[in-house]
Amino acid sequence: MASSKEHMDFILEHLQALDGVYARKMFGEYGVYYKDKVVAMLCDDQLFVKPTEAGKAFLQDPEYAPPYPGAKDYFLIPEDNWEDSVWLCELVRLTEPEVKAPAKKKPKAK
């Protein structure tokens, strides 16, 4: 089941305090980017945040689940927490430094 644009828009609205947050549609789901790093995913209308030590300390007792079959576990963020903009922004802000930057694509040979 694909995630709805409405859910993604809702999450982005609550993350608007962070400069550089955006989403990209991928295979019917969404990747959430902060400072050009994938920090979260919206899959099946559920929010998954990449697991980091800072995020674990912030969440204290996080729930883990894979965003799609065969994926590693991420933090599963309950929908009740999506409305707390300050809380959600802080989680994303703490997560970003521990996420690897995407590899630079090599130019195609001519």
PDB file of N, CA and C in Angstrom:
ATOM      1  N   MET A   1       0.851  -1.176   0.000  1.00  0.00           N
ATOM      2  CA  MET A   1       0.000   0.000   0.000  1.00  0.00           C
ATOM      3  C   MET A   1       0.897   1.240   0.000  1.00  0.00           C
ATOM      4  N   ALA A   2       0.652   2.144  -0.906  1.00  0.00           N
ATOM      5  CA  ALA A   2       1.453   3.369  -1.007  1.00  0.00           C
ATOM      6  C   ALA A   2       1.016   4.389   0.042  1.00  0.00           C
ATOM      7  N   SER A   3       1.946   5.232   0.411  1.00  0.00           N
ATOM      8  CA  SER A   3       1.649   6.299   1.372  1.00  0.00           C
ATOM      9  C   SER A   3       0.941   7.448   0.665  1.00  0.00           C
ATOM     10  N   SER A   4       0.104   8.139   1.412  1.00  0.00           N
ATOM     11  CA  SER A   4      -0.656   9.245   0.825  1.00  0.00           C
ATOM     12  C   SER A   4       0.150  10.542   0.860  1.00  0.00           C
ATOM     13  N   LYS A   5      -0.071  11.351  -0.143  1.00  0.00           N
ATOM     14  CA  LYS A   5       0.561  12.672  -0.205  1.00  0.00           C
ATOM     15  C   LYS A   5       0.100  13.518   0.979  1.00  0.00           C
ATOM     16  N   GLU A   6      -1.138  13.339   1.413  1.00  0.00           N
ATOM     17  CA  GLU A   6      -1.669  14.105   2.545  1.00  0.00           C
ATOM     18  C   GLU A   6      -0.865  13.844   3.826  1.00  0.00           C
ATOM     19  N   HIS A   7      -0.522  12.574   4.068  1.00  0.00           N
ATOM     20  CA  HIS A   7       0.279  12.248   5.252  1.00  0.00           C
ATOM     21  C   HIS A   7       1.679  12.878   5.138  1.00  0.00           C
ATOM     22  N   MET A   8       2.254  12.801   3.930  1.00  0.00           N
ATOM     23  CA  MET A   8       3.582  13.372   3.745  1.00  0.00           C
ATOM     24  C   MET A   8       3.547  14.880   3.930  1.00  0.00           C
ATOM     25  N   ASP A   9       2.540  15.533   3.376  1.00  0.00           N
ATOM     26  CA  ASP A   9       2.394  16.985   3.536  1.00  0.00           C
ATOM     27  C   ASP A   9       2.230  17.363   5.004  1.00  0.00           C
ATOM     28  N   PHE A  10       1.495  16.559   5.744  1.00  0.00           N
ATOM     29  CA  PHE A  10       1.283  16.806   7.178  1.00  0.00           C
ATOM     30  C   PHE A  10       2.619  16.764   7.924  1.00  0.00           C
ATOM     31  N   ILE A  11       3.429  15.752   7.632  1.00  0.00           N
ATOM     32  CA  ILE A  11       4.727  15.625   8.294  1.00  0.00           C
ATOM     33  C   ILE A  11       5.640  16.788   7.916  1.00  0.00           C
ATOM     34  N   LEU A  12       5.684  17.121   6.629  1.00  0.00           N
ATOM     35  CA  LEU A  12       6.532  18.237   6.197  1.00  0.00           C
ATOM     36  C   LEU A  12       6.091  19.556   6.825  1.00  0.00           C
ATOM     37  N   GLU A  13       4.795  19.730   6.976  1.00  0.00           N
ATOM     38  CA  GLU A  13       4.274  20.934   7.624  1.00  0.00           C
ATOM     39  C   GLU A  13       4.807  21.044   9.050  1.00  0.00           C
ATOM     40  N   HIS A  14       4.888  19.910   9.738  1.00  0.00           N
ATOM     41  CA  HIS A  14       5.353  19.910  11.120  1.00  0.00           C
ATOM     42  C   HIS A  14       6.876  19.939  11.235  1.00  0.00           C
ATOM     43  N   LEU A  15       7.566  19.808  10.109  1.00  0.00           N
ATOM     44  CA  LEU A  15       9.022  19.902  10.104  1.00  0.00           C
ATOM     45  C   LEU A  15       9.507  21.211   9.479  1.00  0.00           C
ATOM     46  N   GLN A  16       8.591  22.103   9.140  1.00  0.00           N
ATOM     47  CA  GLN A  16       8.962  23.314   8.412  1.00  0.00           C
ATOM     48  C   GLN A  16       9.913  24.229   9.183  1.00  0.00           C
ATOM     49  N   ALA A  17      10.045  24.074  10.478  1.00  0.00           N
ATOM     50  CA  ALA A  17      10.971  24.895  11.258  1.00  0.00           C
ATOM     51  C   ALA A  17      12.432  24.562  10.938  1.00  0.00           C
ATOM     52  N   LEU A  18      12.669  23.402  10.334  1.00  0.00           N
ATOM     53  CA  LEU A  18      14.024  22.993   9.957  1.00  0.00           C
ATOM     54  C   LEU A  18      14.285  23.399   8.510  1.00  0.00           C
ATOM     55  N   ASP A  19      15.290  24.241   8.287  1.00  0.00           N
ATOM     56  CA  ASP A  19      15.665  24.605   6.921  1.00  0.00           C
ATOM     57  C   ASP A  19      16.266  23.397   6.224  1.00  0.00           C
ATOM     58  N   GLY A  20      15.854  23.165   5.013  1.00  0.00           N
ATOM     59  CA  GLY A  20      16.445  22.084   4.236  1.00  0.00           C
ATOM     60  C   GLY A  20      15.733  20.758   4.353  1.00  0.00           C
ATOM     61  N   VAL A  21      14.504  20.733   4.836  1.00  0.00           N
ATOM     62  CA  VAL A  21      13.731  19.484   4.899  1.00  0.00           C
ATOM     63  C   VAL A  21      12.856  19.389   3.655  1.00  0.00           C
ATOM     64  N   TYR A  22      12.885  18.228   3.016  1.00  0.00           N
ATOM     65  CA  TYR A  22      12.031  17.988   1.860  1.00  0.00           C
ATOM     66  C   TYR A  22      11.786  16.488   1.734  1.00  0.00           C
ATOM     67  N   ALA A  23      10.899  16.129   0.840  1.00  0.00           N
ATOM     68  CA  ALA A  23      10.575  14.712   0.634  1.00  0.00           C
ATOM     69  C   ALA A  23      10.653  14.391  -0.849  1.00  0.00           C
ATOM     70  N   ARG A  24      10.967  13.148  -1.138  1.00  0.00           N
ATOM     71  CA  ARG A  24      10.967  12.640  -2.512  1.00  0.00           C
ATOM     72  C   ARG A  24      10.172  11.354  -2.547  1.00  0.00           C
ATOM     73  N   LYS A  25       9.365  11.247  -3.568  1.00  0.00           N
ATOM     74  CA  LYS A  25       8.568  10.036  -3.734  1.00  0.00           C
ATOM     75  C   LYS A  25       9.463   8.927  -4.292  1.00  0.00           C
ATOM     76  N   MET A  26       9.358   7.750  -3.685  1.00  0.00           N
ATOM     77  CA  MET A  26      10.143   6.595  -4.117  1.00  0.00           C
ATOM     78  C   MET A  26       9.271   5.349  -4.080  1.00  0.00           C
ATOM     79  N   PHE A  27       8.986   4.791  -5.212  1.00  0.00           N
ATOM     80  CA  PHE A  27       8.257   3.529  -5.278  1.00  0.00           C
ATOM     81  C   PHE A  27       6.929   3.574  -4.531  1.00  0.00           C
ATOM     82  N   GLY A  28       6.237   4.696  -4.599  1.00  0.00           N
ATOM     83  CA  GLY A  28       4.950   4.834  -3.931  1.00  0.00           C
ATOM     84  C   GLY A  28       5.062   5.251  -2.480  1.00  0.00           C
ATOM     85  N   GLU A  29       6.268   5.345  -1.979  1.00  0.00           N
ATOM     86  CA  GLU A  29       6.522   5.765  -0.604  1.00  0.00           C
ATOM     87  C   GLU A  29       7.324   7.057  -0.658  1.00  0.00           C
ATOM     88  N   TYR A  30       7.768   7.570   0.490  1.00  0.00           N
ATOM     89  CA  TYR A  30       8.500   8.833   0.528  1.00  0.00           C
ATOM     90  C   TYR A  30       9.758   8.717   1.364  1.00  0.00           C
ATOM     91  N   GLY A  31      10.814   9.354   0.877  1.00  0.00           N
ATOM     92  CA  GLY A  31      12.019   9.553   1.672  1.00  0.00           C
ATOM     93  C   GLY A  31      11.979  10.971   2.204  1.00  0.00           C
ATOM     94  N   VAL A  32      12.315  11.143   3.472  1.00  0.00           N
ATOM     95  CA  VAL A  32      12.353  12.464   4.094  1.00  0.00           C
ATOM     96  C   VAL A  32      13.832  12.846   4.232  1.00  0.00           C
ATOM     97  N   TYR A  33      14.183  13.973   3.649  1.00  0.00           N
ATOM     98  CA  TYR A  33      15.565  14.430   3.620  1.00  0.00           C
ATOM     99  C   TYR A  33      15.741  15.653   4.516  1.00  0.00           C
ATOM    100  N   TYR A  34      16.889  15.690   5.170  1.00  0.00           N
ATOM    101  CA  TYR A  34      17.288  16.874   5.923  1.00  0.00           C
ATOM    102  C   TYR A  34      18.763  17.076   5.621  1.00  0.00           C
ATOM    103  N   LYS A  35      19.093  18.255   5.138  1.00  0.00           N
ATOM    104  CA  LYS A  35      20.460  18.571   4.713  1.00  0.00           C
ATOM    105  C   LYS A  35      20.947  17.536   3.705  1.00  0.00           C
ATOM    106  N   ASP A  36      20.061  17.175   2.785  1.00  0.00           N
ATOM    107  CA  ASP A  36      20.332  16.236   1.692  1.00  0.00           C
ATOM    108  C   ASP A  36      20.693  14.827   2.153  1.00  0.00           C
ATOM    109  N   LYS A  37      20.290  14.465   3.363  1.00  0.00           N
ATOM    110  CA  LYS A  37      20.476  13.102   3.867  1.00  0.00           C
ATOM    111  C   LYS A  37      19.101  12.503   4.154  1.00  0.00           C
ATOM    112  N   VAL A  38      18.935  11.234   3.812  1.00  0.00           N
ATOM    113  CA  VAL A  38      17.674  10.560   4.133  1.00  0.00           C
ATOM    114  C   VAL A  38      17.672  10.261   5.627  1.00  0.00           C
ATOM    115  N   VAL A  39      16.770  10.923   6.347  1.00  0.00           N
ATOM    116  CA  VAL A  39      16.699  10.743   7.797  1.00  0.00           C
ATOM    117  C   VAL A  39      15.466   9.933   8.212  1.00  0.00           C
ATOM    118  N   ALA A  40      14.506   9.827   7.300  1.00  0.00           N
ATOM    119  CA  ALA A  40      13.264   9.122   7.635  1.00  0.00           C
ATOM    120  C   ALA A  40      12.586   8.654   6.354  1.00  0.00           C
ATOM    121  N   MET A  41      11.595   7.792   6.532  1.00  0.00           N
ATOM    122  CA  MET A  41      10.771   7.321   5.418  1.00  0.00           C
ATOM    123  C   MET A  41       9.321   7.245   5.863  1.00  0.00           C
ATOM    124  N   LEU A  42       8.458   7.526   4.932  1.00  0.00           N
ATOM    125  CA  LEU A  42       7.026   7.319   5.154  1.00  0.00           C
ATOM    126  C   LEU A  42       6.635   6.146   4.270  1.00  0.00           C
ATOM    127  N   CYS A  43       6.329   5.029   4.901  1.00  0.00           N
ATOM    128  CA  CYS A  43       5.974   3.800   4.180  1.00  0.00           C
ATOM    129  C   CYS A  43       4.663   3.276   4.748  1.00  0.00           C
ATOM    130  N   ASP A  44       3.733   2.973   3.868  1.00  0.00           N
ATOM    131  CA  ASP A  44       2.404   2.507   4.286  1.00  0.00           C
ATOM    132  C   ASP A  44       1.788   3.468   5.301  1.00  0.00           C
ATOM    133  N   ASP A  45       2.013   4.761   5.082  1.00  0.00           N
ATOM    134  CA  ASP A  45       1.498   5.823   5.953  1.00  0.00           C
ATOM    135  C   ASP A  45       1.966   5.681   7.401  1.00  0.00           C
ATOM    136  N   GLN A  46       3.169   5.125   7.575  1.00  0.00           N
ATOM    137  CA  GLN A  46       3.805   5.040   8.887  1.00  0.00           C
ATOM    138  C   GLN A  46       5.158   5.743   8.790  1.00  0.00           C
ATOM    139  N   LEU A  47       5.529   6.479   9.821  1.00  0.00           N
ATOM    140  CA  LEU A  47       6.786   7.221   9.821  1.00  0.00           C
ATOM    141  C   LEU A  47       7.891   6.404  10.483  1.00  0.00           C
ATOM    142  N   PHE A  48       8.976   6.239   9.745  1.00  0.00           N
ATOM    143  CA  PHE A  48      10.143   5.505  10.217  1.00  0.00           C
ATOM    144  C   PHE A  48      11.341   6.447  10.184  1.00  0.00           C
ATOM    145  N   VAL A  49      12.060   6.559  11.298  1.00  0.00           N
ATOM    146  CA  VAL A  49      13.244   7.415  11.388  1.00  0.00           C
ATOM    147  C   VAL A  49      14.472   6.516  11.519  1.00  0.00           C
ATOM    148  N   LYS A  50      15.532   6.893  10.799  1.00  0.00           N
ATOM    149  CA  LYS A  50      16.756   6.096  10.862  1.00  0.00           C
ATOM    150  C   LYS A  50      17.240   5.995  12.303  1.00  0.00           C
ATOM    151  N   PRO A  51      17.625   4.814  12.709  1.00  0.00           N
ATOM    152  CA  PRO A  51      18.083   4.641  14.087  1.00  0.00           C
ATOM    153  C   PRO A  51      19.493   5.211  14.274  1.00  0.00           C
ATOM    154  N   THR A  52      19.646   6.014  15.312  1.00  0.00           N
ATOM    155  CA  THR A  52      20.936   6.581  15.691  1.00  0.00           C
ATOM    156  C   THR A  52      21.034   6.547  17.212  1.00  0.00           C
ATOM    157  N   GLU A  53      22.235   6.704  17.714  1.00  0.00           N
ATOM    158  CA  GLU A  53      22.423   6.727  19.166  1.00  0.00           C
ATOM    159  C   GLU A  53      21.725   7.940  19.779  1.00  0.00           C
ATOM    160  N   ALA A  54      21.842   9.099  19.123  1.00  0.00           N
ATOM    161  CA  ALA A  54      21.189  10.308  19.644  1.00  0.00           C
ATOM    162  C   ALA A  54      19.671  10.148  19.621  1.00  0.00           C
ATOM    163  N   GLY A  55      19.151   9.549  18.555  1.00  0.00           N
ATOM    164  CA  GLY A  55      17.708   9.322  18.467  1.00  0.00           C
ATOM    165  C   GLY A  55      17.228   8.352  19.536  1.00  0.00           C
ATOM    166  N   LYS A  56      18.014   7.321  19.777  1.00  0.00           N
ATOM    167  CA  LYS A  56      17.655   6.332  20.812  1.00  0.00           C
ATOM    168  C   LYS A  56      17.616   6.994  22.188  1.00  0.00           C
ATOM    169  N   ALA A  57      18.595   7.837  22.482  1.00  0.00           N
ATOM    170  CA  ALA A  57      18.624   8.542  23.771  1.00  0.00           C
ATOM    171  C   ALA A  57      17.435   9.496  23.887  1.00  0.00           C
ATOM    172  N   PHE A  58      17.093  10.150  22.798  1.00  0.00           N
ATOM    173  CA  PHE A  58      15.970  11.094  22.794  1.00  0.00           C
ATOM    174  C   PHE A  58      14.640  10.357  22.999  1.00  0.00           C
ATOM    175  N   LEU A  59      14.467   9.246  22.287  1.00  0.00           N
ATOM    176  CA  LEU A  59      13.215   8.478  22.368  1.00  0.00           C
ATOM    177  C   LEU A  59      13.129   7.648  23.641  1.00  0.00           C
ATOM    178  N   GLN A  60      14.253   7.321  24.230  1.00  0.00           N
ATOM    179  CA  GLN A  60      14.397   6.543  25.457  1.00  0.00           C
ATOM    180  C   GLN A  60      14.037   5.076  25.281  1.00  0.00           C
ATOM    181  N   ASP A  61      12.869   4.745  24.835  1.00  0.00           N
ATOM    182  CA  ASP A  61      12.466   3.350  24.642  1.00  0.00           C
ATOM    183  C   ASP A  61      11.767   3.224  23.287  1.00  0.00           C
ATOM    184  N   PRO A  62      12.539   3.363  22.191  1.00  0.00           N
ATOM    185  CA  PRO A  62      11.906   3.393  20.871  1.00  0.00           C
ATOM    186  C   PRO A  62      11.342   2.039  20.445  1.00  0.00           C
ATOM    187  N   GLU A  63      10.311   2.126  19.616  1.00  0.00           N
ATOM    188  CA  GLU A  63       9.775   0.931  18.973  1.00  0.00           C
ATOM    189  C   GLU A  63      10.498   0.774  17.649  1.00  0.00           C
ATOM    190  N   TYR A  64      10.885  -0.439  17.327  1.00  0.00           N
ATOM    191  CA  TYR A  64      11.605  -0.718  16.087  1.00  0.00           C
ATOM    192  C   TYR A  64      10.721  -1.519  15.142  1.00  0.00           C
ATOM    193  N   ALA A  65      10.868  -1.229  13.842  1.00  0.00           N
ATOM    194  CA  ALA A  65      10.162  -1.994  12.815  1.00  0.00           C
ATOM    195  C   ALA A  65      10.810  -1.693  11.478  1.00  0.00           C
ATOM    196  N   PRO A  66      10.767  -2.642  10.543  1.00  0.00           N
ATOM    197  CA  PRO A  66      11.299  -2.361   9.203  1.00  0.00           C
ATOM    198  C   PRO A  66      10.278  -1.568   8.380  1.00  0.00           C
ATOM    199  N   PRO A  67      10.728  -0.576   7.612  1.00  0.00           N
ATOM    200  CA  PRO A  67       9.791   0.210   6.804  1.00  0.00           C
ATOM    201  C   PRO A  67       9.194  -0.580   5.634  1.00  0.00           C
ATOM    202  N   TYR A  68       9.896  -1.619   5.195  1.00  0.00           N
ATOM    203  CA  TYR A  68       9.404  -2.474   4.110  1.00  0.00           C
ATOM    204  C   TYR A  68      10.045  -3.842   4.290  1.00  0.00           C
ATOM    205  N   PRO A  69       9.478  -4.879   3.698  1.00  0.00           N
ATOM    206  CA  PRO A  69      10.011  -6.232   3.888  1.00  0.00           C
ATOM    207  C   PRO A  69      11.481  -6.331   3.470  1.00  0.00           C
ATOM    208  N   GLY A  70      12.277  -6.910   4.331  1.00  0.00           N
ATOM    209  CA  GLY A  70      13.691  -7.101   4.059  1.00  0.00           C
ATOM    210  C   GLY A  70      14.578  -5.942   4.487  1.00  0.00           C
ATOM    211  N   ALA A  71      13.989  -4.858   4.968  1.00  0.00           N
ATOM    212  CA  ALA A  71      14.766  -3.689   5.401  1.00  0.00           C
ATOM    213  C   ALA A  71      15.241  -3.869   6.835  1.00  0.00           C
ATOM    214  N   LYS A  72      16.278  -3.119   7.187  1.00  0.00           N
ATOM    215  CA  LYS A  72      16.721  -3.077   8.578  1.00  0.00           C
ATOM    216  C   LYS A  72      15.675  -2.323   9.392  1.00  0.00           C
ATOM    217  N   ASP A  73      15.683  -2.558  10.688  1.00  0.00           N
ATOM    218  CA  ASP A  73      14.744  -1.868  11.569  1.00  0.00           C
ATOM    219  C   ASP A  73      15.069  -0.381  11.679  1.00  0.00           C
ATOM    220  N   TYR A  74      14.026   0.411  11.707  1.00  0.00           N
ATOM    221  CA  TYR A  74      14.082   1.854  11.942  1.00  0.00           C
ATOM    222  C   TYR A  74      13.274   2.120  13.203  1.00  0.00           C
ATOM    223  N   PHE A  75      13.347   3.366  13.693  1.00  0.00           N
ATOM    224  CA  PHE A  75      12.452   3.764  14.769  1.00  0.00           C
ATOM    225  C   PHE A  75      11.074   3.985  14.156  1.00  0.00           C
ATOM    226  N   LEU A  76      10.059   3.342  14.692  1.00  0.00           N
ATOM    227  CA  LEU A  76       8.682   3.548  14.253  1.00  0.00           C
ATOM    228  C   LEU A  76       8.086   4.634  15.138  1.00  0.00           C
ATOM    229  N   ILE A  77       7.685   5.735  14.515  1.00  0.00           N
ATOM    230  CA  ILE A  77       7.178   6.891  15.261  1.00  0.00           C
ATOM    231  C   ILE A  77       5.657   6.863  15.250  1.00  0.00           C
ATOM    232  N   PRO A  78       5.038   6.728  16.408  1.00  0.00           N
ATOM    233  CA  PRO A  78       3.573   6.682  16.468  1.00  0.00           C
ATOM    234  C   PRO A  78       2.950   7.966  15.909  1.00  0.00           C
ATOM    235  N   GLU A  79       1.828   7.814  15.250  1.00  0.00           N
ATOM    236  CA  GLU A  79       1.148   8.952  14.618  1.00  0.00           C
ATOM    237  C   GLU A  79       0.798  10.041  15.637  1.00  0.00           C
ATOM    238  N   ASP A  80       0.590   9.661  16.879  1.00  0.00           N
ATOM    239  CA  ASP A  80       0.297  10.651  17.930  1.00  0.00           C
ATOM    240  C   ASP A  80       1.418  11.672  18.090  1.00  0.00           C
ATOM    241  N   ASN A  81       2.651  11.281  17.766  1.00  0.00           N
ATOM    242  CA  ASN A  81       3.806  12.172  17.924  1.00  0.00           C
ATOM    243  C   ASN A  81       4.011  13.099  16.717  1.00  0.00           C
ATOM    244  N   TRP A  82       3.343  12.847  15.608  1.00  0.00           N
ATOM    245  CA  TRP A  82       3.543  13.641  14.395  1.00  0.00           C
ATOM    246  C   TRP A  82       3.119  15.092  14.590  1.00  0.00           C
ATOM    247  N   GLU A  83       2.148  15.333  15.439  1.00  0.00           N
ATOM    248  CA  GLU A  83       1.604  16.684  15.614  1.00  0.00           C
ATOM    249  C   GLU A  83       2.483  17.571  16.481  1.00  0.00           C
ATOM    250  N   ASP A  84       3.396  17.003  17.222  1.00  0.00           N
ATOM    251  CA  ASP A  84       4.274  17.779  18.088  1.00  0.00           C
ATOM    252  C   ASP A  84       5.482  18.246  17.268  1.00  0.00           C
ATOM    253  N   SER A  85       5.350  19.406  16.661  1.00  0.00           N
ATOM    254  CA  SER A  85       6.377  19.933  15.752  1.00  0.00           C
ATOM    255  C   SER A  85       7.735  20.065  16.434  1.00  0.00           C
ATOM    256  N   VAL A  86       7.753  20.584  17.649  1.00  0.00           N
ATOM    257  CA  VAL A  86       9.019  20.784  18.363  1.00  0.00           C
ATOM    258  C   VAL A  86       9.693  19.438  18.593  1.00  0.00           C
ATOM    259  N   TRP A  87       8.944  18.462  19.044  1.00  0.00           N
ATOM    260  CA  TRP A  87       9.467  17.123  19.321  1.00  0.00           C
ATOM    261  C   TRP A  87       9.988  16.476  18.034  1.00  0.00           C
ATOM    262  N   LEU A  88       9.191  16.535  16.964  1.00  0.00           N
ATOM    263  CA  LEU A  88       9.557  15.905  15.697  1.00  0.00           C
ATOM    264  C   LEU A  88      10.784  16.577  15.087  1.00  0.00           C
ATOM    265  N   CYS A  89      10.840  17.893  15.129  1.00  0.00           N
ATOM    266  CA  CYS A  89      12.007  18.621  14.610  1.00  0.00           C
ATOM    267  C   CYS A  89      13.267  18.257  15.382  1.00  0.00           C
ATOM    268  N   GLU A  90      13.149  18.139  16.687  1.00  0.00           N
ATOM    269  CA  GLU A  90      14.310  17.787  17.513  1.00  0.00           C
ATOM    270  C   GLU A  90      14.810  16.388  17.175  1.00  0.00           C
ATOM    271  N   LEU A  91      13.913  15.454  16.980  1.00  0.00           N
ATOM    272  CA  LEU A  91      14.317  14.095  16.613  1.00  0.00           C
ATOM    273  C   LEU A  91      15.069  14.099  15.287  1.00  0.00           C
ATOM    274  N   VAL A  92      14.560  14.802  14.297  1.00  0.00           N
ATOM    275  CA  VAL A  92      15.218  14.864  12.987  1.00  0.00           C
ATOM    276  C   VAL A  92      16.558  15.593  13.106  1.00  0.00           C
ATOM    277  N   ARG A  93      16.592  16.680  13.857  1.00  0.00           N
ATOM    278  CA  ARG A  93      17.827  17.449  14.034  1.00  0.00           C
ATOM    279  C   ARG A  93      18.913  16.599  14.700  1.00  0.00           C
ATOM    280  N   LEU A  94      18.542  15.792  15.685  1.00  0.00           N
ATOM    281  CA  LEU A  94      19.498  14.917  16.366  1.00  0.00           C
ATOM    282  C   LEU A  94      19.942  13.745  15.494  1.00  0.00           C
ATOM    283  N   THR A  95      19.076  13.306  14.613  1.00  0.00           N
ATOM    284  CA  THR A  95      19.362  12.154  13.755  1.00  0.00           C
ATOM    285  C   THR A  95      20.364  12.486  12.656  1.00  0.00           C
ATOM    286  N   GLU A  96      20.217  13.637  12.050  1.00  0.00           N
ATOM    287  CA  GLU A  96      21.001  13.999  10.854  1.00  0.00           C
ATOM    288  C   GLU A  96      22.508  13.857  10.996  1.00  0.00           C
ATOM    289  N   PRO A  97      23.154  14.314  12.078  1.00  0.00           N
ATOM    290  CA  PRO A  97      24.624  14.213  12.128  1.00  0.00           C
ATOM    291  C   PRO A  97      25.162  12.782  12.066  1.00  0.00           C
ATOM    292  N   GLU A  98      24.363  11.807  12.481  1.00  0.00           N
ATOM    293  CA  GLU A  98      24.831  10.418  12.492  1.00  0.00           C
ATOM    294  C   GLU A  98      24.502   9.661  11.206  1.00  0.00           C
ATOM    295  N   VAL A  99      23.804  10.312  10.294  1.00  0.00           N
ATOM    296  CA  VAL A  99      23.445   9.667   9.029  1.00  0.00           C
ATOM    297  C   VAL A  99      24.518   9.995   7.999  1.00  0.00           C
ATOM    298  N   LYS A 100      24.972   8.965   7.300  1.00  0.00           N
ATOM    299  CA  LYS A 100      25.993   9.164   6.267  1.00  0.00           C
ATOM    300  C   LYS A 100      25.417   9.962   5.101  1.00  0.00           C
ATOM    301  N   ALA A 101      26.257  10.822   4.564  1.00  0.00           N
ATOM    302  CA  ALA A 101      25.863  11.574   3.367  1.00  0.00           C
ATOM    303  C   ALA A 101      25.819  10.599   2.195  1.00  0.00           C
ATOM    304  N   PRO A 102      24.918  10.832   1.240  1.00  0.00           N
ATOM    305  CA  PRO A 102      24.860   9.938   0.086  1.00  0.00           C
ATOM    306  C   PRO A 102      26.154  10.009  -0.714  1.00  0.00           C
ATOM    307  N   ALA A 103      26.524   8.897  -1.303  1.00  0.00           N
ATOM    308  CA  ALA A 103      27.738   8.847  -2.108  1.00  0.00           C
ATOM    309  C   ALA A 103      27.557   9.722  -3.350  1.00  0.00           C
ATOM    310  N   LYS A 104      28.614  10.402  -3.719  1.00  0.00           N
ATOM    311  CA  LYS A 104      28.582  11.230  -4.926  1.00  0.00           C
ATOM    312  C   LYS A 104      28.528  10.316  -6.137  1.00  0.00           C
ATOM    313  N   LYS A 105      27.639  10.646  -7.062  1.00  0.00           N
ATOM    314  CA  LYS A 105      27.551   9.852  -8.295  1.00  0.00           C
ATOM    315  C   LYS A 105      28.681  10.229  -9.223  1.00  0.00           C
ATOM    316  N   LYS A 106      29.304   9.210  -9.786  1.00  0.00           N
ATOM    317  CA  LYS A 106      30.383   9.447 -10.737  1.00  0.00           C
ATOM    318  C   LYS A 106      29.765   9.824 -12.076  1.00  0.00           C
ATOM    319  N   PRO A 107      30.390  10.757 -12.787  1.00  0.00           N
ATOM    320  CA  PRO A 107      29.868  11.105 -14.106  1.00  0.00           C
ATOM    321  C   PRO A 107      29.978   9.897 -15.043  1.00  0.00           C
ATOM    322  N   LYS A 108      28.994   9.776 -15.908  1.00  0.00           N
ATOM    323  CA  LYS A 108      29.004   8.662 -16.857  1.00  0.00           C
ATOM    324  C   LYS A 108      30.110   8.864 -17.883  1.00  0.00           C
ATOM    325  N   ALA A 109      30.751   7.770 -18.222  1.00  0.00           N
ATOM    326  CA  ALA A 109      31.815   7.822 -19.230  1.00  0.00           C
ATOM    327  C   ALA A 109      31.194   8.078 -20.599  1.00  0.00           C
ATOM    328  N   LYS A 110      31.897   8.842 -21.393  1.00  0.00           N
ATOM    329  CA  LYS A 110      31.392   9.156 -22.759  1.00  0.00           C
ATOM    330  C   LYS A 110      31.912   8.194 -23.765  1.00  0.00           C
TER     331      LYS A 110
END
